[in-house]
Amino acid sequence: MNAEPAVAEGARERILAAAVERIATDGIDDVRIARIAMDAGVSTSLVHYHFETREALLEQALEYSFELAGDVRIGDEEGEAPNHTRRLAAMVDQCLPYPGELERDWILWVELWLRAVRHTELRPTAARLYRRMRRWFAEAIAAGVDAGEFDASVDPERTADRVLALCDGFGVRALLGDLEIDRARAEVWAVLSRDLDGAQSTR
């Protein structure tokens, strides 16, 4: 009786990694638990042990994807003094659908948006993830203000809200091929740099 939970916990990361790829490729409505199980090298019963519904699977896949992104990818080089402008620019890049993992992550976000419109039980998940991203940006902006790199009048919380809205809007257009990804980045950074009053464009 105790063996399966132990095995399940060890296989959970493989299941989530497989789910992220399958949902991004097939969409949450068309994804098959059997395919995820096969990709992860586990039984279908083990997938159901962790995720009772498609909504639960999407929620946890997004959480997993979010944890893989962020500070791990954009940390300052060892020994370097913090450069808050460069760090913020890298964070913006992480929120746009560049080809590869970021584009895949964006597809997951779109799946969440569409699903949450029809399934209200997913809206708290979307709100929670947005709160985490907002806090991530607000803390980075506040650090730049404290260091004197950004203007003292900058409101980190409001600026974080704006940058997320800009990334969402321009990101959707870039994902659809309506706008080049570099143009999307430039447009986001043009507004953000004005808000920061003195931050230099890194383009």
N, C-alpha and C. Protein backbone atom coordinates (compact mmCIF):
# COMPACT_ATOMS: atom_id res chain seq x y z
N MET A 1 0.83 -1.21 0.00
CA MET A 1 0.00 0.00 0.00
C MET A 1 0.86 1.26 0.00
N ASN A 2 2.01 1.23 0.66
CA ASN A 2 2.85 2.41 0.75
C ASN A 2 3.80 2.56 -0.42
N ALA A 3 3.94 1.51 -1.22
CA ALA A 3 4.95 1.56 -2.29
C ALA A 3 4.55 2.52 -3.39
N GLU A 4 3.26 2.49 -3.79
CA GLU A 4 2.86 3.31 -4.93
C GLU A 4 3.04 4.79 -4.68
N PRO A 5 2.62 5.35 -3.51
CA PRO A 5 2.87 6.76 -3.28
C PRO A 5 4.33 7.13 -3.37
N ALA A 6 5.22 6.27 -2.86
CA ALA A 6 6.65 6.56 -2.91
C ALA A 6 7.14 6.59 -4.35
N VAL A 7 6.71 5.60 -5.14
CA VAL A 7 7.09 5.58 -6.55
C VAL A 7 6.49 6.78 -7.27
N ALA A 8 5.21 7.08 -6.94
CA ALA A 8 4.53 8.20 -7.59
C ALA A 8 5.27 9.51 -7.34
N GLU A 9 5.72 9.72 -6.13
CA GLU A 9 6.42 10.95 -5.81
C GLU A 9 7.71 11.05 -6.60
N GLY A 10 8.41 9.92 -6.77
CA GLY A 10 9.65 9.93 -7.54
C GLY A 10 9.42 10.18 -9.02
N ALA A 11 8.25 9.81 -9.53
CA ALA A 11 7.96 9.94 -10.96
C ALA A 11 7.21 11.23 -11.29
N ARG A 12 6.84 11.98 -10.27
CA ARG A 12 5.99 13.15 -10.48
C ARG A 12 6.62 14.16 -11.44
N GLU A 13 7.91 14.40 -11.29
CA GLU A 13 8.57 15.39 -12.14
C GLU A 13 8.57 14.94 -13.60
N ARG A 14 8.77 13.64 -13.84
CA ARG A 14 8.74 13.13 -15.20
C ARG A 14 7.35 13.28 -15.81
N ILE A 15 6.34 13.03 -14.99
CA ILE A 15 4.96 13.19 -15.47
C ILE A 15 4.69 14.65 -15.84
N LEU A 16 5.12 15.56 -15.00
CA LEU A 16 4.88 16.98 -15.26
C LEU A 16 5.63 17.45 -16.50
N ALA A 17 6.87 17.00 -16.64
CA ALA A 17 7.65 17.38 -17.83
C ALA A 17 6.98 16.86 -19.09
N ALA A 18 6.48 15.62 -19.05
CA ALA A 18 5.78 15.06 -20.21
C ALA A 18 4.47 15.80 -20.46
N ALA A 19 3.77 16.17 -19.38
CA ALA A 19 2.50 16.90 -19.52
C ALA A 19 2.71 18.26 -20.16
N VAL A 20 3.77 18.96 -19.76
CA VAL A 20 4.07 20.27 -20.34
C VAL A 20 4.24 20.14 -21.85
N GLU A 21 5.01 19.17 -22.28
CA GLU A 21 5.25 18.99 -23.72
C GLU A 21 3.98 18.59 -24.46
N ARG A 22 3.21 17.68 -23.87
CA ARG A 22 2.00 17.20 -24.55
C ARG A 22 0.92 18.27 -24.63
N ILE A 23 0.73 19.02 -23.54
CA ILE A 23 -0.30 20.06 -23.55
C ILE A 23 0.07 21.14 -24.56
N ALA A 24 1.35 21.50 -24.60
CA ALA A 24 1.79 22.52 -25.56
C ALA A 24 1.62 22.04 -26.99
N THR A 25 1.81 20.75 -27.23
CA THR A 25 1.73 20.20 -28.59
C THR A 25 0.28 19.91 -29.00
N ASP A 26 -0.48 19.27 -28.10
CA ASP A 26 -1.81 18.77 -28.45
C ASP A 26 -2.95 19.64 -27.94
N GLY A 27 -2.71 20.48 -26.92
CA GLY A 27 -3.79 21.22 -26.28
C GLY A 27 -4.39 20.39 -25.17
N ILE A 28 -4.88 21.04 -24.13
CA ILE A 28 -5.38 20.32 -22.95
C ILE A 28 -6.59 19.46 -23.28
N ASP A 29 -7.44 19.90 -24.23
CA ASP A 29 -8.64 19.13 -24.55
C ASP A 29 -8.32 17.85 -25.31
N ASP A 30 -7.23 17.85 -26.07
CA ASP A 30 -6.89 16.68 -26.89
C ASP A 30 -5.80 15.81 -26.29
N VAL A 31 -5.24 16.25 -25.18
CA VAL A 31 -4.15 15.47 -24.60
C VAL A 31 -4.69 14.15 -24.05
N ARG A 32 -3.92 13.11 -24.19
CA ARG A 32 -4.32 11.78 -23.73
C ARG A 32 -3.41 11.36 -22.57
N ILE A 33 -4.05 10.98 -21.49
CA ILE A 33 -3.30 10.57 -20.30
C ILE A 33 -2.37 9.41 -20.63
N ALA A 34 -2.83 8.52 -21.49
CA ALA A 34 -2.00 7.36 -21.87
C ALA A 34 -0.71 7.81 -22.55
N ARG A 35 -0.78 8.87 -23.38
CA ARG A 35 0.42 9.36 -24.05
C ARG A 35 1.38 10.01 -23.06
N ILE A 36 0.82 10.75 -22.11
CA ILE A 36 1.67 11.35 -21.08
C ILE A 36 2.36 10.26 -20.26
N ALA A 37 1.60 9.23 -19.91
CA ALA A 37 2.17 8.12 -19.14
C ALA A 37 3.29 7.44 -19.93
N MET A 38 3.05 7.22 -21.22
CA MET A 38 4.07 6.58 -22.05
C MET A 38 5.32 7.45 -22.15
N ASP A 39 5.12 8.77 -22.36
CA ASP A 39 6.25 9.68 -22.46
C ASP A 39 7.05 9.73 -21.16
N ALA A 40 6.34 9.63 -20.03
CA ALA A 40 7.00 9.71 -18.72
C ALA A 40 7.55 8.38 -18.26
N GLY A 41 7.17 7.28 -18.96
CA GLY A 41 7.63 5.96 -18.56
C GLY A 41 6.97 5.44 -17.30
N VAL A 42 5.67 5.80 -17.12
CA VAL A 42 4.93 5.34 -15.94
C VAL A 42 3.60 4.77 -16.40
N SER A 43 2.85 4.24 -15.45
CA SER A 43 1.53 3.69 -15.77
C SER A 43 0.49 4.82 -15.78
N THR A 44 -0.61 4.59 -16.49
CA THR A 44 -1.69 5.58 -16.50
C THR A 44 -2.28 5.76 -15.09
N SER A 45 -2.31 4.69 -14.32
CA SER A 45 -2.85 4.79 -12.96
C SER A 45 -2.01 5.72 -12.11
N LEU A 46 -0.72 5.77 -12.38
CA LEU A 46 0.16 6.66 -11.62
C LEU A 46 -0.11 8.12 -11.98
N VAL A 47 -0.42 8.38 -13.24
CA VAL A 47 -0.78 9.75 -13.64
C VAL A 47 -2.07 10.15 -12.93
N HIS A 48 -3.06 9.26 -12.92
CA HIS A 48 -4.33 9.57 -12.26
C HIS A 48 -4.16 9.69 -10.75
N TYR A 49 -3.17 9.02 -10.21
CA TYR A 49 -2.89 9.13 -8.77
C TYR A 49 -2.57 10.57 -8.41
N HIS A 50 -1.83 11.27 -9.29
CA HIS A 50 -1.45 12.66 -9.03
C HIS A 50 -2.47 13.66 -9.53
N PHE A 51 -3.12 13.38 -10.66
CA PHE A 51 -3.96 14.37 -11.32
C PHE A 51 -5.31 13.74 -11.65
N GLU A 52 -6.33 14.10 -10.88
CA GLU A 52 -7.64 13.50 -11.05
C GLU A 52 -8.39 14.07 -12.26
N THR A 53 -8.07 15.31 -12.66
CA THR A 53 -8.77 15.95 -13.76
C THR A 53 -7.77 16.62 -14.71
N ARG A 54 -8.25 16.97 -15.89
CA ARG A 54 -7.42 17.71 -16.85
C ARG A 54 -7.06 19.08 -16.29
N GLU A 55 -8.01 19.69 -15.57
CA GLU A 55 -7.75 21.00 -14.99
C GLU A 55 -6.60 20.93 -13.98
N ALA A 56 -6.61 19.87 -13.17
CA ALA A 56 -5.53 19.71 -12.19
C ALA A 56 -4.19 19.49 -12.89
N LEU A 57 -4.22 18.76 -13.98
CA LEU A 57 -3.01 18.50 -14.76
C LEU A 57 -2.47 19.81 -15.35
N LEU A 58 -3.36 20.63 -15.93
CA LEU A 58 -2.94 21.90 -16.50
C LEU A 58 -2.38 22.81 -15.42
N GLU A 59 -3.05 22.88 -14.28
CA GLU A 59 -2.60 23.73 -13.17
C GLU A 59 -1.19 23.36 -12.73
N GLN A 60 -0.97 22.08 -12.50
CA GLN A 60 0.33 21.65 -12.01
C GLN A 60 1.41 21.76 -13.09
N ALA A 61 1.04 21.56 -14.35
CA ALA A 61 2.02 21.73 -15.43
C ALA A 61 2.48 23.18 -15.50
N LEU A 62 1.55 24.12 -15.33
CA LEU A 62 1.91 25.53 -15.33
C LEU A 62 2.79 25.88 -14.14
N GLU A 63 2.46 25.34 -12.99
CA GLU A 63 3.29 25.58 -11.80
C GLU A 63 4.70 25.06 -12.04
N TYR A 64 4.78 23.88 -12.61
CA TYR A 64 6.09 23.27 -12.88
C TYR A 64 6.87 24.11 -13.89
N SER A 65 6.20 24.55 -14.93
CA SER A 65 6.84 25.37 -15.94
C SER A 65 7.33 26.68 -15.34
N PHE A 66 6.52 27.28 -14.49
CA PHE A 66 6.88 28.54 -13.83
C PHE A 66 8.13 28.36 -12.97
N GLU A 67 8.20 27.26 -12.25
CA GLU A 67 9.34 27.03 -11.37
C GLU A 67 10.63 26.86 -12.16
N LEU A 68 10.55 26.34 -13.37
CA LEU A 68 11.75 26.15 -14.18
C LEU A 68 12.28 27.46 -14.75
N ALA A 69 11.40 28.46 -14.83
CA ALA A 69 11.80 29.75 -15.40
C ALA A 69 12.29 30.66 -14.29
N GLY A 70 12.44 31.96 -14.63
CA GLY A 70 12.72 32.94 -13.61
C GLY A 70 14.18 33.09 -13.26
N ASP A 71 14.44 33.23 -11.98
CA ASP A 71 15.78 33.60 -11.52
C ASP A 71 16.86 32.62 -11.94
N VAL A 72 16.52 31.35 -12.08
CA VAL A 72 17.53 30.37 -12.48
C VAL A 72 18.15 30.74 -13.81
N ARG A 73 17.36 31.31 -14.72
CA ARG A 73 17.84 31.62 -16.06
C ARG A 73 18.50 32.99 -16.18
N ILE A 74 18.27 33.88 -15.20
CA ILE A 74 18.72 35.25 -15.40
C ILE A 74 19.58 35.76 -14.26
N GLY A 75 20.17 34.88 -13.49
CA GLY A 75 21.00 35.32 -12.38
C GLY A 75 22.22 36.10 -12.86
N ASP A 76 22.69 37.05 -12.03
CA ASP A 76 23.88 37.80 -12.36
C ASP A 76 25.10 36.89 -12.35
N GLU A 77 26.07 37.21 -13.17
CA GLU A 77 27.31 36.45 -13.18
C GLU A 77 27.99 36.58 -11.82
N GLU A 78 28.62 35.50 -11.40
CA GLU A 78 29.28 35.50 -10.10
C GLU A 78 30.33 36.61 -10.04
N GLY A 79 30.30 37.39 -8.96
CA GLY A 79 31.28 38.44 -8.77
C GLY A 79 30.88 39.77 -9.37
N GLU A 80 29.83 39.80 -10.17
CA GLU A 80 29.40 41.05 -10.78
C GLU A 80 28.50 41.83 -9.84
N ALA A 81 28.62 43.16 -9.88
CA ALA A 81 27.68 44.00 -9.14
C ALA A 81 26.32 43.91 -9.83
N PRO A 82 25.23 43.96 -9.06
CA PRO A 82 23.90 43.86 -9.68
C PRO A 82 23.67 44.98 -10.68
N ASN A 83 23.13 44.63 -11.84
CA ASN A 83 22.74 45.61 -12.84
C ASN A 83 21.22 45.45 -13.00
N HIS A 84 20.48 46.34 -12.38
CA HIS A 84 19.03 46.16 -12.28
C HIS A 84 18.34 46.36 -13.63
N THR A 85 18.89 47.24 -14.46
CA THR A 85 18.31 47.44 -15.79
C THR A 85 18.46 46.18 -16.64
N ARG A 86 19.66 45.63 -16.64
CA ARG A 86 19.91 44.42 -17.42
C ARG A 86 19.07 43.25 -16.89
N ARG A 87 18.96 43.17 -15.58
CA ARG A 87 18.17 42.09 -15.00
C ARG A 87 16.70 42.22 -15.39
N LEU A 88 16.18 43.43 -15.33
CA LEU A 88 14.78 43.64 -15.68
C LEU A 88 14.54 43.34 -17.16
N ALA A 89 15.49 43.71 -18.01
CA ALA A 89 15.36 43.40 -19.44
C ALA A 89 15.34 41.89 -19.66
N ALA A 90 16.16 41.15 -18.91
CA ALA A 90 16.16 39.69 -19.02
C ALA A 90 14.84 39.10 -18.55
N MET A 91 14.25 39.70 -17.52
CA MET A 91 12.95 39.24 -17.03
C MET A 91 11.86 39.46 -18.08
N VAL A 92 11.91 40.60 -18.76
CA VAL A 92 10.96 40.86 -19.85
C VAL A 92 11.11 39.78 -20.92
N ASP A 93 12.35 39.45 -21.27
CA ASP A 93 12.59 38.40 -22.27
C ASP A 93 11.95 37.08 -21.84
N GLN A 94 11.98 36.79 -20.53
CA GLN A 94 11.41 35.54 -20.04
C GLN A 94 9.89 35.52 -20.17
N CYS A 95 9.29 36.67 -20.36
CA CYS A 95 7.83 36.76 -20.44
C CYS A 95 7.33 36.95 -21.87
N LEU A 96 8.20 36.73 -22.84
CA LEU A 96 7.82 36.82 -24.25
C LEU A 96 8.06 35.47 -24.92
N PRO A 97 7.30 35.15 -25.98
CA PRO A 97 7.35 33.80 -26.57
C PRO A 97 8.50 33.60 -27.56
N TYR A 98 9.73 33.69 -27.06
CA TYR A 98 10.88 33.38 -27.91
C TYR A 98 10.84 31.90 -28.27
N PRO A 99 11.32 31.54 -29.45
CA PRO A 99 11.28 30.13 -29.88
C PRO A 99 11.94 29.20 -28.87
N GLY A 100 11.35 28.02 -28.70
CA GLY A 100 11.89 27.05 -27.75
C GLY A 100 11.03 26.95 -26.51
N GLU A 101 11.66 26.87 -25.35
CA GLU A 101 10.93 26.67 -24.10
C GLU A 101 9.98 27.81 -23.78
N LEU A 102 10.38 29.04 -24.08
CA LEU A 102 9.51 30.17 -23.77
C LEU A 102 8.25 30.17 -24.62
N GLU A 103 8.37 29.80 -25.88
CA GLU A 103 7.18 29.68 -26.73
C GLU A 103 6.28 28.58 -26.21
N ARG A 104 6.87 27.47 -25.80
CA ARG A 104 6.08 26.37 -25.22
C ARG A 104 5.36 26.83 -23.96
N ASP A 105 6.07 27.56 -23.09
CA ASP A 105 5.44 28.06 -21.87
C ASP A 105 4.29 29.00 -22.19
N TRP A 106 4.44 29.81 -23.23
CA TRP A 106 3.39 30.73 -23.63
C TRP A 106 2.14 29.98 -24.08
N ILE A 107 2.35 28.89 -24.79
CA ILE A 107 1.20 28.09 -25.23
C ILE A 107 0.44 27.56 -24.02
N LEU A 108 1.16 27.19 -22.97
CA LEU A 108 0.50 26.75 -21.73
C LEU A 108 -0.32 27.88 -21.12
N TRP A 109 0.24 29.09 -21.13
CA TRP A 109 -0.50 30.24 -20.60
C TRP A 109 -1.79 30.46 -21.39
N VAL A 110 -1.71 30.36 -22.71
CA VAL A 110 -2.90 30.55 -23.53
C VAL A 110 -3.94 29.47 -23.22
N GLU A 111 -3.47 28.25 -23.01
CA GLU A 111 -4.39 27.17 -22.62
C GLU A 111 -5.07 27.51 -21.30
N LEU A 112 -4.31 28.08 -20.36
CA LEU A 112 -4.89 28.46 -19.07
C LEU A 112 -5.93 29.56 -19.25
N TRP A 113 -5.59 30.59 -20.03
CA TRP A 113 -6.55 31.68 -20.26
C TRP A 113 -7.87 31.14 -20.82
N LEU A 114 -7.77 30.33 -21.87
CA LEU A 114 -8.98 29.81 -22.51
C LEU A 114 -9.77 28.91 -21.57
N ARG A 115 -9.06 28.08 -20.82
CA ARG A 115 -9.72 27.14 -19.92
C ARG A 115 -10.38 27.89 -18.76
N ALA A 116 -9.69 28.91 -18.23
CA ALA A 116 -10.21 29.64 -17.08
C ALA A 116 -11.45 30.45 -17.42
N VAL A 117 -11.59 30.84 -18.69
CA VAL A 117 -12.80 31.57 -19.11
C VAL A 117 -14.02 30.67 -18.96
N ARG A 118 -13.85 29.40 -19.28
CA ARG A 118 -14.99 28.46 -19.26
C ARG A 118 -15.11 27.68 -17.95
N HIS A 119 -13.99 27.54 -17.25
CA HIS A 119 -13.97 26.75 -16.01
C HIS A 119 -13.51 27.66 -14.87
N THR A 120 -14.47 28.17 -14.13
CA THR A 120 -14.15 29.18 -13.11
C THR A 120 -13.23 28.63 -12.02
N GLU A 121 -13.20 27.31 -11.85
CA GLU A 121 -12.34 26.74 -10.81
C GLU A 121 -10.86 26.95 -11.11
N LEU A 122 -10.52 27.27 -12.38
CA LEU A 122 -9.13 27.53 -12.74
C LEU A 122 -8.73 28.99 -12.55
N ARG A 123 -9.69 29.86 -12.33
CA ARG A 123 -9.35 31.27 -12.21
C ARG A 123 -8.45 31.57 -11.01
N PRO A 124 -8.64 30.92 -9.87
CA PRO A 124 -7.70 31.16 -8.76
C PRO A 124 -6.27 30.76 -9.12
N THR A 125 -6.12 29.73 -9.95
CA THR A 125 -4.78 29.34 -10.40
C THR A 125 -4.14 30.45 -11.22
N ALA A 126 -4.90 30.99 -12.16
CA ALA A 126 -4.39 32.09 -12.99
C ALA A 126 -4.05 33.28 -12.12
N ALA A 127 -4.92 33.61 -11.17
CA ALA A 127 -4.68 34.75 -10.30
C ALA A 127 -3.43 34.54 -9.45
N ARG A 128 -3.25 33.33 -8.96
CA ARG A 128 -2.08 33.03 -8.11
C ARG A 128 -0.78 33.16 -8.91
N LEU A 129 -0.77 32.64 -10.13
CA LEU A 129 0.43 32.73 -10.95
C LEU A 129 0.74 34.18 -11.33
N TYR A 130 -0.30 34.94 -11.62
CA TYR A 130 -0.09 36.36 -11.92
C TYR A 130 0.44 37.11 -10.70
N ARG A 131 -0.05 36.77 -9.52
CA ARG A 131 0.47 37.42 -8.30
C ARG A 131 1.96 37.14 -8.13
N ARG A 132 2.35 35.91 -8.40
CA ARG A 132 3.77 35.57 -8.27
C ARG A 132 4.62 36.33 -9.28
N MET A 133 4.13 36.43 -10.51
CA MET A 133 4.89 37.17 -11.52
C MET A 133 4.93 38.66 -11.20
N ARG A 134 3.81 39.19 -10.72
CA ARG A 134 3.76 40.60 -10.34
C ARG A 134 4.76 40.87 -9.22
N ARG A 135 4.79 39.99 -8.23
CA ARG A 135 5.73 40.16 -7.12
C ARG A 135 7.17 40.08 -7.60
N TRP A 136 7.42 39.16 -8.53
CA TRP A 136 8.76 38.98 -9.11
C TRP A 136 9.25 40.28 -9.74
N PHE A 137 8.39 40.90 -10.56
CA PHE A 137 8.75 42.16 -11.20
C PHE A 137 8.82 43.31 -10.19
N ALA A 138 7.84 43.39 -9.30
CA ALA A 138 7.81 44.50 -8.34
C ALA A 138 9.06 44.50 -7.46
N GLU A 139 9.50 43.33 -7.04
CA GLU A 139 10.69 43.25 -6.21
C GLU A 139 11.94 43.67 -6.97
N ALA A 140 12.03 43.29 -8.25
CA ALA A 140 13.18 43.67 -9.07
C ALA A 140 13.19 45.18 -9.31
N ILE A 141 12.02 45.75 -9.55
CA ILE A 141 11.93 47.19 -9.78
C ILE A 141 12.27 47.95 -8.50
N ALA A 142 11.74 47.48 -7.38
CA ALA A 142 12.02 48.14 -6.10
C ALA A 142 13.52 48.11 -5.78
N ALA A 143 14.17 47.00 -6.12
CA ALA A 143 15.62 46.90 -5.88
C ALA A 143 16.38 47.94 -6.70
N GLY A 144 15.92 48.16 -7.94
CA GLY A 144 16.55 49.18 -8.78
C GLY A 144 16.33 50.58 -8.25
N VAL A 145 15.14 50.82 -7.69
CA VAL A 145 14.85 52.13 -7.09
C VAL A 145 15.74 52.34 -5.87
N ASP A 146 15.82 51.32 -5.02
CA ASP A 146 16.64 51.43 -3.81
C ASP A 146 18.11 51.67 -4.13
N ALA A 147 18.56 51.08 -5.25
CA ALA A 147 19.97 51.24 -5.64
C ALA A 147 20.22 52.57 -6.36
N GLY A 148 19.17 53.32 -6.62
CA GLY A 148 19.32 54.59 -7.32
C GLY A 148 19.44 54.45 -8.82
N GLU A 149 19.22 53.24 -9.34
CA GLU A 149 19.31 53.02 -10.78
C GLU A 149 18.03 53.43 -11.49
N PHE A 150 16.89 53.34 -10.80
CA PHE A 150 15.61 53.80 -11.32
C PHE A 150 15.16 55.02 -10.52
N ASP A 151 14.30 55.82 -11.12
CA ASP A 151 13.86 57.05 -10.48
C ASP A 151 13.12 56.75 -9.18
N ALA A 152 13.31 57.63 -8.19
CA ALA A 152 12.71 57.41 -6.87
C ALA A 152 11.19 57.49 -6.90
N SER A 153 10.62 58.11 -7.94
CA SER A 153 9.17 58.26 -8.02
C SER A 153 8.48 57.01 -8.57
N VAL A 154 9.24 56.05 -9.04
CA VAL A 154 8.65 54.85 -9.65
C VAL A 154 7.86 54.06 -8.61
N ASP A 155 6.65 53.66 -8.97
CA ASP A 155 5.81 52.80 -8.13
C ASP A 155 6.01 51.36 -8.61
N PRO A 156 6.74 50.53 -7.87
CA PRO A 156 7.05 49.17 -8.33
C PRO A 156 5.81 48.32 -8.63
N GLU A 157 4.77 48.44 -7.82
CA GLU A 157 3.59 47.62 -8.01
C GLU A 157 2.85 48.00 -9.29
N ARG A 158 2.62 49.28 -9.50
CA ARG A 158 1.92 49.72 -10.71
C ARG A 158 2.75 49.44 -11.96
N THR A 159 4.06 49.65 -11.86
CA THR A 159 4.92 49.39 -13.01
C THR A 159 4.93 47.90 -13.34
N ALA A 160 4.92 47.06 -12.32
CA ALA A 160 4.87 45.61 -12.55
C ALA A 160 3.58 45.23 -13.27
N ASP A 161 2.46 45.82 -12.86
CA ASP A 161 1.19 45.54 -13.55
C ASP A 161 1.27 45.92 -15.02
N ARG A 162 1.86 47.09 -15.30
CA ARG A 162 1.94 47.56 -16.68
C ARG A 162 2.82 46.65 -17.52
N VAL A 163 3.96 46.25 -16.97
CA VAL A 163 4.87 45.43 -17.78
C VAL A 163 4.25 44.06 -18.07
N LEU A 164 3.50 43.51 -17.14
CA LEU A 164 2.83 42.23 -17.40
C LEU A 164 1.76 42.39 -18.48
N ALA A 165 1.00 43.49 -18.42
CA ALA A 165 -0.01 43.73 -19.44
C ALA A 165 0.62 43.92 -20.82
N LEU A 166 1.75 44.63 -20.86
CA LEU A 166 2.45 44.83 -22.12
C LEU A 166 2.98 43.52 -22.68
N CYS A 167 3.58 42.72 -21.81
CA CYS A 167 4.11 41.43 -22.26
C CYS A 167 3.00 40.52 -22.77
N ASP A 168 1.86 40.52 -22.08
CA ASP A 168 0.73 39.71 -22.53
C ASP A 168 0.24 40.17 -23.90
N GLY A 169 0.04 41.47 -24.04
CA GLY A 169 -0.52 41.99 -25.29
C GLY A 169 0.40 41.80 -26.47
N PHE A 170 1.65 42.24 -26.34
CA PHE A 170 2.59 42.09 -27.44
C PHE A 170 2.99 40.62 -27.62
N GLY A 171 3.00 39.86 -26.53
CA GLY A 171 3.36 38.45 -26.61
C GLY A 171 2.38 37.64 -27.43
N VAL A 172 1.08 37.91 -27.26
CA VAL A 172 0.07 37.21 -28.05
C VAL A 172 0.27 37.49 -29.53
N ARG A 173 0.51 38.74 -29.88
CA ARG A 173 0.71 39.08 -31.29
C ARG A 173 1.96 38.39 -31.84
N ALA A 174 3.02 38.33 -31.04
CA ALA A 174 4.23 37.65 -31.50
C ALA A 174 3.99 36.15 -31.65
N LEU A 175 3.25 35.56 -30.72
CA LEU A 175 2.96 34.13 -30.79
C LEU A 175 2.15 33.79 -32.04
N LEU A 176 1.26 34.70 -32.43
CA LEU A 176 0.43 34.49 -33.62
C LEU A 176 1.15 34.83 -34.91
N GLY A 177 2.36 35.37 -34.81
CA GLY A 177 3.11 35.73 -36.00
C GLY A 177 2.72 37.07 -36.58
N ASP A 178 1.94 37.84 -35.83
CA ASP A 178 1.50 39.16 -36.29
C ASP A 178 2.56 40.22 -36.06
N LEU A 179 3.56 39.90 -35.21
CA LEU A 179 4.59 40.86 -34.84
C LEU A 179 5.88 40.10 -34.60
N GLU A 180 6.99 40.64 -35.08
CA GLU A 180 8.28 40.01 -34.82
C GLU A 180 8.58 40.07 -33.33
N ILE A 181 9.19 39.03 -32.81
CA ILE A 181 9.45 38.96 -31.38
C ILE A 181 10.36 40.09 -30.91
N ASP A 182 11.34 40.46 -31.73
CA ASP A 182 12.23 41.56 -31.34
C ASP A 182 11.50 42.89 -31.30
N ARG A 183 10.52 43.05 -32.19
CA ARG A 183 9.69 44.26 -32.17
C ARG A 183 8.84 44.28 -30.90
N ALA A 184 8.30 43.13 -30.52
CA ALA A 184 7.51 43.04 -29.30
C ALA A 184 8.36 43.45 -28.09
N ARG A 185 9.57 42.93 -28.03
CA ARG A 185 10.47 43.28 -26.93
C ARG A 185 10.76 44.77 -26.90
N ALA A 186 11.04 45.33 -28.07
CA ALA A 186 11.36 46.75 -28.16
C ALA A 186 10.19 47.62 -27.70
N GLU A 187 8.97 47.23 -28.06
CA GLU A 187 7.80 48.01 -27.68
C GLU A 187 7.57 47.95 -26.17
N VAL A 188 7.71 46.77 -25.60
CA VAL A 188 7.57 46.64 -24.14
C VAL A 188 8.62 47.49 -23.44
N TRP A 189 9.87 47.36 -23.90
CA TRP A 189 10.95 48.06 -23.21
C TRP A 189 10.87 49.57 -23.41
N ALA A 190 10.33 50.04 -24.53
CA ALA A 190 10.18 51.47 -24.76
C ALA A 190 9.29 52.11 -23.70
N VAL A 191 8.17 51.43 -23.39
CA VAL A 191 7.26 51.95 -22.37
C VAL A 191 7.89 51.82 -20.98
N LEU A 192 8.48 50.65 -20.72
CA LEU A 192 9.05 50.40 -19.40
C LEU A 192 10.20 51.35 -19.09
N SER A 193 11.05 51.62 -20.07
CA SER A 193 12.19 52.49 -19.83
C SER A 193 11.73 53.92 -19.53
N ARG A 194 10.64 54.35 -20.16
CA ARG A 194 10.10 55.67 -19.84
C ARG A 194 9.56 55.69 -18.42
N ASP A 195 8.91 54.60 -18.02
CA ASP A 195 8.38 54.52 -16.65
C ASP A 195 9.52 54.59 -15.63
N LEU A 196 10.62 53.93 -15.95
CA LEU A 196 11.75 53.90 -15.02
C LEU A 196 12.55 55.20 -15.04
N ASP A 197 12.30 56.03 -16.04
CA ASP A 197 12.89 57.37 -16.12
C ASP A 197 14.42 57.35 -16.04
N GLY A 198 15.00 56.88 -17.10
CA GLY A 198 16.46 56.88 -17.13
C GLY A 198 17.07 55.53 -17.38
N ALA A 199 16.28 54.46 -17.28
CA ALA A 199 16.81 53.14 -17.61
C ALA A 199 17.17 53.10 -19.08
N GLN A 200 18.32 52.53 -19.41
CA GLN A 200 18.79 52.50 -20.79
C GLN A 200 18.25 51.30 -21.52
N SER A 201 17.86 51.50 -22.77
CA SER A 201 17.42 50.37 -23.60
C SER A 201 18.57 49.42 -23.80
N THR A 202 18.27 48.11 -23.71
CA THR A 202 19.31 47.07 -23.88
C THR A 202 19.22 46.44 -25.24
N ARG A 203 18.44 47.01 -26.12
CA ARG A 203 18.25 46.43 -27.44
C ARG A 203 19.51 46.53 -28.26
